[in-house]
């Protein structure tokens, strides 16, 4: 996994780079101090994933995420920031972020969360989910009990295989149910599904 770290704080960039480089399956290919630099480095370094701060001078993390996702949709982007308010979380996810963590999370835990996300699963920190809490989306009332169970496990970050094992279903059945759930909730990916579920 090739990782690009984007943060305007040089100490944070260095700390993240040193810690994450220790993982045998993560190669930190570069660092950037703002969104504009990150966009340029995506051209030359072709990272698989970015760790992206939000508040940075010039092009901020949300604007950079939107541009990078438009140009390089295959790149996975994990927001890593001190801002845990609902507005920033929703703006980042709307811009295309695949995950959102708060900087109070242990750096040593981030590698595992990146591994989950690189496989296509959205990752939201516990505090992030808490701040997204709201009234129930009426669409959830249309889900069957099985669909609710599957939606809950998707929101918790489980893979199709893990969901199948927990609910004693085949992976194909889980996959088909997720397609139906996404249609009912009018969402297009697992991260959005998780957001809608936890807003309930």
C-alpha atoms as a PDB file:
ATOM      1  CA  UNK A   1       0.000   0.000   0.000  1.00  0.00           C
ATOM      2  CA  UNK A   2       1.513   3.307  -1.108  1.00  0.00           C
ATOM      3  CA  UNK A   3       0.545   6.110   1.279  1.00  0.00           C
ATOM      4  CA  UNK A   4       0.738   9.900   0.910  1.00  0.00           C
ATOM      5  CA  UNK A   5       0.452  11.952   4.126  1.00  0.00           C
ATOM      6  CA  UNK A   6      -1.071  15.444   3.877  1.00  0.00           C
ATOM      7  CA  UNK A   7      -0.887  17.821   6.861  1.00  0.00           C
ATOM      8  CA  UNK A   8       0.328  21.383   7.350  1.00  0.00           C
ATOM      9  CA  UNK A   9       2.025  20.471  10.645  1.00  0.00           C
ATOM     10  CA  UNK A  10       5.560  19.201   9.920  1.00  0.00           C
ATOM     11  CA  UNK A  11       5.774  17.395  13.281  1.00  0.00           C
ATOM     12  CA  UNK A  12       2.563  15.476  12.614  1.00  0.00           C
ATOM     13  CA  UNK A  13       3.753  14.536   9.115  1.00  0.00           C
ATOM     14  CA  UNK A  14       7.013  13.212  10.526  1.00  0.00           C
ATOM     15  CA  UNK A  15       5.348  11.322  13.378  1.00  0.00           C
ATOM     16  CA  UNK A  16       2.794   9.674  11.089  1.00  0.00           C
ATOM     17  CA  UNK A  17       5.451   8.831   8.524  1.00  0.00           C
ATOM     18  CA  UNK A  18       7.788   7.214  11.063  1.00  0.00           C
ATOM     19  CA  UNK A  19       5.055   5.198  12.763  1.00  0.00           C
ATOM     20  CA  UNK A  20       3.221   3.999   9.667  1.00  0.00           C
ATOM     21  CA  UNK A  21       6.438   3.149   7.812  1.00  0.00           C
ATOM     22  CA  UNK A  22       7.066   0.427  10.397  1.00  0.00           C
ATOM     23  CA  UNK A  23       4.172  -1.584   8.950  1.00  0.00           C
ATOM     24  CA  UNK A  24       5.500  -4.111   6.457  1.00  0.00           C
ATOM     25  CA  UNK A  25       2.618  -3.547   4.038  1.00  0.00           C
ATOM     26  CA  UNK A  26       2.670   0.282   4.079  1.00  0.00           C
ATOM     27  CA  UNK A  27       5.132   2.417   2.130  1.00  0.00           C
ATOM     28  CA  UNK A  28       4.987   6.166   2.787  1.00  0.00           C
ATOM     29  CA  UNK A  29       5.800   7.493  -0.682  1.00  0.00           C
ATOM     30  CA  UNK A  30       5.691  11.157   0.282  1.00  0.00           C
ATOM     31  CA  UNK A  31       4.232  13.964   2.372  1.00  0.00           C
ATOM     32  CA  UNK A  32       2.491  17.216   1.466  1.00  0.00           C
ATOM     33  CA  UNK A  33       1.870  20.368   3.496  1.00  0.00           C
ATOM     34  CA  UNK A  34      -1.364  21.426   1.764  1.00  0.00           C
ATOM     35  CA  UNK A  35      -4.038  20.279  -0.643  1.00  0.00           C
ATOM     36  CA  UNK A  36      -2.467  21.809  -3.741  1.00  0.00           C
ATOM     37  CA  UNK A  37       0.802  19.945  -3.144  1.00  0.00           C
ATOM     38  CA  UNK A  38      -1.135  16.734  -2.529  1.00  0.00           C
ATOM     39  CA  UNK A  39      -2.918  17.055  -5.887  1.00  0.00           C
ATOM     40  CA  UNK A  40       0.416  17.492  -7.690  1.00  0.00           C
ATOM     41  CA  UNK A  41       2.039  14.574  -5.867  1.00  0.00           C
ATOM     42  CA  UNK A  42      -0.834  12.284  -6.822  1.00  0.00           C
ATOM     43  CA  UNK A  43       0.294  12.669 -10.437  1.00  0.00           C
ATOM     44  CA  UNK A  44       3.884  11.617  -9.843  1.00  0.00           C
ATOM     45  CA  UNK A  45       3.696   9.277  -6.838  1.00  0.00           C
ATOM     46  CA  UNK A  46       0.448   7.439  -7.734  1.00  0.00           C
ATOM     47  CA  UNK A  47      -0.425   6.595  -4.098  1.00  0.00           C
ATOM     48  CA  UNK A  48      -3.060   4.023  -3.231  1.00  0.00           C
ATOM     49  CA  UNK A  49      -4.230   6.024  -0.263  1.00  0.00           C
ATOM     50  CA  UNK A  50      -4.017   9.468   1.368  1.00  0.00           C
ATOM     51  CA  UNK A  51      -4.172  10.532   4.994  1.00  0.00           C
ATOM     52  CA  UNK A  52      -5.669  14.017   4.654  1.00  0.00           C
ATOM     53  CA  UNK A  53      -5.992  16.864   7.155  1.00  0.00           C
ATOM     54  CA  UNK A  54      -8.910  19.282   6.718  1.00  0.00           C
ATOM     55  CA  UNK A  55      -7.773  22.749   7.780  1.00  0.00           C
ATOM     56  CA  UNK A  56      -4.703  23.751   5.759  1.00  0.00           C
ATOM     57  CA  UNK A  57      -3.639  27.031   4.112  1.00  0.00           C
ATOM     58  CA  UNK A  58      -4.483  27.452   0.431  1.00  0.00           C
ATOM     59  CA  UNK A  59      -6.372  24.402  -0.808  1.00  0.00           C
ATOM     60  CA  UNK A  60      -7.913  22.711   2.245  1.00  0.00           C
ATOM     61  CA  UNK A  61      -8.444  18.990   2.695  1.00  0.00           C
ATOM     62  CA  UNK A  62     -12.089  18.931   1.630  1.00  0.00           C
ATOM     63  CA  UNK A  63     -11.440  20.818  -1.619  1.00  0.00           C
ATOM     64  CA  UNK A  64      -8.382  18.643  -2.312  1.00  0.00           C
ATOM     65  CA  UNK A  65     -10.383  15.474  -1.665  1.00  0.00           C
ATOM     66  CA  UNK A  66     -13.053  16.556  -4.147  1.00  0.00           C
ATOM     67  CA  UNK A  67     -10.475  17.304  -6.868  1.00  0.00           C
ATOM     68  CA  UNK A  68      -8.432  14.161  -6.277  1.00  0.00           C
ATOM     69  CA  UNK A  69     -11.526  11.936  -6.349  1.00  0.00           C
ATOM     70  CA  UNK A  70     -12.603  13.521  -9.635  1.00  0.00           C
ATOM     71  CA  UNK A  71      -9.204  12.913 -11.236  1.00  0.00           C
ATOM     72  CA  UNK A  72      -8.124   9.716  -9.462  1.00  0.00           C
ATOM     73  CA  UNK A  73     -11.264   7.929  -8.194  1.00  0.00           C
ATOM     74  CA  UNK A  74      -9.242   4.788  -7.386  1.00  0.00           C
ATOM     75  CA  UNK A  75      -7.293   6.592  -4.634  1.00  0.00           C
ATOM     76  CA  UNK A  76      -8.747   5.998  -1.169  1.00  0.00           C
ATOM     77  CA  UNK A  77      -8.786   9.030   1.139  1.00  0.00           C
ATOM     78  CA  UNK A  78      -8.855   8.887   4.935  1.00  0.00           C
ATOM     79  CA  UNK A  79      -9.489  12.226   6.643  1.00  0.00           C
ATOM     80  CA  UNK A  80      -7.405  12.627   9.799  1.00  0.00           C
ATOM     81  CA  UNK A  81      -8.240  15.833  11.617  1.00  0.00           C
ATOM     82  CA  UNK A  82      -9.005  17.505  14.933  1.00  0.00           C
ATOM     83  CA  UNK A  83     -12.429  18.636  13.687  1.00  0.00           C
ATOM     84  CA  UNK A  84     -15.210  16.273  14.751  1.00  0.00           C
ATOM     85  CA  UNK A  85     -18.213  18.523  14.086  1.00  0.00           C
ATOM     86  CA  UNK A  86     -21.053  17.249  11.935  1.00  0.00           C
ATOM     87  CA  UNK A  87     -20.616  19.925   9.238  1.00  0.00           C
ATOM     88  CA  UNK A  88     -16.977  19.036   8.486  1.00  0.00           C
ATOM     89  CA  UNK A  89     -17.694  15.301   8.596  1.00  0.00           C
ATOM     90  CA  UNK A  90     -20.580  15.578   6.138  1.00  0.00           C
ATOM     91  CA  UNK A  91     -18.678  17.928   3.812  1.00  0.00           C
ATOM     92  CA  UNK A  92     -15.673  15.579   3.726  1.00  0.00           C
ATOM     93  CA  UNK A  93     -17.775  12.491   3.014  1.00  0.00           C
ATOM     94  CA  UNK A  94     -19.795  14.338   0.382  1.00  0.00           C
ATOM     95  CA  UNK A  95     -16.516  15.372  -1.263  1.00  0.00           C
ATOM     96  CA  UNK A  96     -15.650  11.689  -1.590  1.00  0.00           C
ATOM     97  CA  UNK A  97     -13.638  10.803   1.530  1.00  0.00           C
ATOM     98  CA  UNK A  98     -13.671   7.054   2.237  1.00  0.00           C
ATOM     99  CA  UNK A  99     -13.003   7.385   5.955  1.00  0.00           C
ATOM    100  CA  UNK A 100     -12.860   9.935   8.759  1.00  0.00           C
ATOM    101  CA  UNK A 101     -10.764   9.688  11.928  1.00  0.00           C
ATOM    102  CA  UNK A 102     -10.001  12.146  14.710  1.00  0.00           C
ATOM    103  CA  UNK A 103      -6.377  12.874  15.657  1.00  0.00           C
ATOM    104  CA  UNK A 104      -7.034  11.741  19.225  1.00  0.00           C
ATOM    105  CA  UNK A 105      -7.119   8.168  17.861  1.00  0.00           C
ATOM    106  CA  UNK A 106      -3.881   6.258  18.471  1.00  0.00           C
ATOM    107  CA  UNK A 107      -1.458   6.483  15.555  1.00  0.00           C
ATOM    108  CA  UNK A 108      -0.698   2.801  16.052  1.00  0.00           C
ATOM    109  CA  UNK A 109      -4.363   1.997  15.294  1.00  0.00           C
ATOM    110  CA  UNK A 110      -4.426   3.943  12.037  1.00  0.00           C
ATOM    111  CA  UNK A 111      -2.539   1.287  10.036  1.00  0.00           C
ATOM    112  CA  UNK A 112      -5.241  -1.285  10.730  1.00  0.00           C
ATOM    113  CA  UNK A 113      -7.970   1.146   9.725  1.00  0.00           C
ATOM    114  CA  UNK A 114      -6.141   1.917   6.481  1.00  0.00           C
ATOM    115  CA  UNK A 115      -5.997  -1.806   5.713  1.00  0.00           C
ATOM    116  CA  UNK A 116      -9.755  -2.073   6.178  1.00  0.00           C
ATOM    117  CA  UNK A 117     -10.383   0.924   3.948  1.00  0.00           C
ATOM    118  CA  UNK A 118      -8.065  -0.104   1.120  1.00  0.00           C
ATOM    119  CA  UNK A 119     -10.318  -3.132   0.560  1.00  0.00           C
ATOM    120  CA  UNK A 120     -13.275  -0.847  -0.112  1.00  0.00           C
ATOM    121  CA  UNK A 121     -14.845  -0.605   3.334  1.00  0.00           C
ATOM    122  CA  UNK A 122     -15.614   2.849   4.707  1.00  0.00           C
ATOM    123  CA  UNK A 123     -14.116   3.644   8.110  1.00  0.00           C
ATOM    124  CA  UNK A 124     -15.578   6.137  10.572  1.00  0.00           C
ATOM    125  CA  UNK A 125     -14.197   6.690  14.079  1.00  0.00           C
ATOM    126  CA  UNK A 126     -16.466   6.183  17.096  1.00  0.00           C
ATOM    127  CA  UNK A 127     -16.608   9.916  17.862  1.00  0.00           C
ATOM    128  CA  UNK A 128     -17.478  10.632  14.244  1.00  0.00           C
ATOM    129  CA  UNK A 129     -20.412   8.216  14.335  1.00  0.00           C
ATOM    130  CA  UNK A 130     -21.610   9.726  17.599  1.00  0.00           C
ATOM    131  CA  UNK A 131     -21.642  13.214  16.101  1.00  0.00           C
ATOM    132  CA  UNK A 132     -23.623  12.035  13.091  1.00  0.00           C
ATOM    133  CA  UNK A 133     -26.462  10.850  15.325  1.00  0.00           C
ATOM    134  CA  UNK A 134     -29.839  12.304  14.333  1.00  0.00           C
ATOM    135  CA  UNK A 135     -33.477  11.297  13.943  1.00  0.00           C
ATOM    136  CA  UNK A 136     -34.250   8.099  12.098  1.00  0.00           C
ATOM    137  CA  UNK A 137     -34.298   8.202   8.334  1.00  0.00           C
ATOM    138  CA  UNK A 138     -37.833   7.163   7.283  1.00  0.00           C
ATOM    139  CA  UNK A 139     -36.291   4.888   4.643  1.00  0.00           C
ATOM    140  CA  UNK A 140     -35.019   2.589   7.419  1.00  0.00           C
ATOM    141  CA  UNK A 141     -38.618   1.696   8.169  1.00  0.00           C
ATOM    142  CA  UNK A 142     -38.765   0.030   4.743  1.00  0.00           C
ATOM    143  CA  UNK A 143     -35.972  -2.418   5.605  1.00  0.00           C
ATOM    144  CA  UNK A 144     -36.758  -5.954   6.664  1.00  0.00           C
ATOM    145  CA  UNK A 145     -35.242  -7.242   9.908  1.00  0.00           C
ATOM    146  CA  UNK A 146     -32.579  -9.159   7.976  1.00  0.00           C
ATOM    147  CA  UNK A 147     -31.735  -6.016   5.986  1.00  0.00           C
ATOM    148  CA  UNK A 148     -31.461  -4.020   9.211  1.00  0.00           C
ATOM    149  CA  UNK A 149     -29.113  -6.631  10.658  1.00  0.00           C
ATOM    150  CA  UNK A 150     -26.928  -6.508   7.561  1.00  0.00           C
ATOM    151  CA  UNK A 151     -26.989  -2.679   7.492  1.00  0.00           C
ATOM    152  CA  UNK A 152     -25.876  -2.623  11.150  1.00  0.00           C
ATOM    153  CA  UNK A 153     -22.903  -4.880  10.443  1.00  0.00           C
ATOM    154  CA  UNK A 154     -21.933  -2.915   7.324  1.00  0.00           C
ATOM    155  CA  UNK A 155     -22.017   0.255   9.454  1.00  0.00           C
ATOM    156  CA  UNK A 156     -19.695  -1.440  11.936  1.00  0.00           C
ATOM    157  CA  UNK A 157     -17.175  -1.975   9.137  1.00  0.00           C
ATOM    158  CA  UNK A 158     -17.523  -5.728   8.652  1.00  0.00           C
ATOM    159  CA  UNK A 159     -16.759  -7.290   5.269  1.00  0.00           C
ATOM    160  CA  UNK A 160     -19.325  -9.354   3.353  1.00  0.00           C
ATOM    161  CA  UNK A 161     -17.534 -12.520   4.443  1.00  0.00           C
ATOM    162  CA  UNK A 162     -17.653 -11.523   8.125  1.00  0.00           C
ATOM    163  CA  UNK A 163     -21.339 -10.553   7.865  1.00  0.00           C
ATOM    164  CA  UNK A 164     -22.134 -13.877   6.197  1.00  0.00           C
ATOM    165  CA  UNK A 165     -20.413 -15.763   9.027  1.00  0.00           C
ATOM    166  CA  UNK A 166     -22.244 -13.829  11.763  1.00  0.00           C
ATOM    167  CA  UNK A 167     -25.688 -14.171  10.201  1.00  0.00           C
ATOM    168  CA  UNK A 168     -25.183 -17.709   8.806  1.00  0.00           C
ATOM    169  CA  UNK A 169     -25.769 -16.553   5.232  1.00  0.00           C
ATOM    170  CA  UNK A 170     -23.850 -16.981   1.997  1.00  0.00           C
ATOM    171  CA  UNK A 171     -21.670 -14.105   0.784  1.00  0.00           C
ATOM    172  CA  UNK A 172     -23.846 -13.904  -2.324  1.00  0.00           C
ATOM    173  CA  UNK A 173     -26.970 -13.413  -0.199  1.00  0.00           C
ATOM    174  CA  UNK A 174     -25.244 -10.679   1.805  1.00  0.00           C
ATOM    175  CA  UNK A 175     -24.059  -8.969  -1.363  1.00  0.00           C
ATOM    176  CA  UNK A 176     -27.543  -9.072  -2.916  1.00  0.00           C
ATOM    177  CA  UNK A 177     -29.136  -7.726   0.256  1.00  0.00           C
ATOM    178  CA  UNK A 178     -26.655  -4.839   0.395  1.00  0.00           C
ATOM    179  CA  UNK A 179     -27.620  -3.852  -3.165  1.00  0.00           C
ATOM    180  CA  UNK A 180     -31.299  -3.805  -2.138  1.00  0.00           C
ATOM    181  CA  UNK A 181     -30.525  -1.863   1.055  1.00  0.00           C
ATOM    182  CA  UNK A 182     -28.570   0.776  -0.863  1.00  0.00           C
ATOM    183  CA  UNK A 183     -31.465   1.187  -3.299  1.00  0.00           C
ATOM    184  CA  UNK A 184     -33.980   1.590  -0.462  1.00  0.00           C
ATOM    185  CA  UNK A 185     -31.777   4.123   1.362  1.00  0.00           C
ATOM    186  CA  UNK A 186     -30.813   5.916  -1.870  1.00  0.00           C
ATOM    187  CA  UNK A 187     -27.058   5.625  -1.197  1.00  0.00           C
ATOM    188  CA  UNK A 188     -24.254   4.544  -3.506  1.00  0.00           C
ATOM    189  CA  UNK A 189     -21.571   3.107  -1.211  1.00  0.00           C
ATOM    190  CA  UNK A 190     -20.985   1.393   2.135  1.00  0.00           C
ATOM    191  CA  UNK A 191     -19.778   4.563   3.854  1.00  0.00           C
ATOM    192  CA  UNK A 192     -22.993   6.398   3.032  1.00  0.00           C
ATOM    193  CA  UNK A 193     -24.978   3.361   4.145  1.00  0.00           C
ATOM    194  CA  UNK A 194     -23.173   3.469   7.491  1.00  0.00           C
ATOM    195  CA  UNK A 195     -23.893   7.171   7.906  1.00  0.00           C
ATOM    196  CA  UNK A 196     -27.619   6.717   7.237  1.00  0.00           C
ATOM    197  CA  UNK A 197     -27.783   3.774   9.637  1.00  0.00           C
ATOM    198  CA  UNK A 198     -26.053   5.610  12.480  1.00  0.00           C
ATOM    199  CA  UNK A 199     -28.146   8.729  11.913  1.00  0.00           C
ATOM    200  CA  UNK A 200     -31.033   6.490  12.886  1.00  0.00           C
END
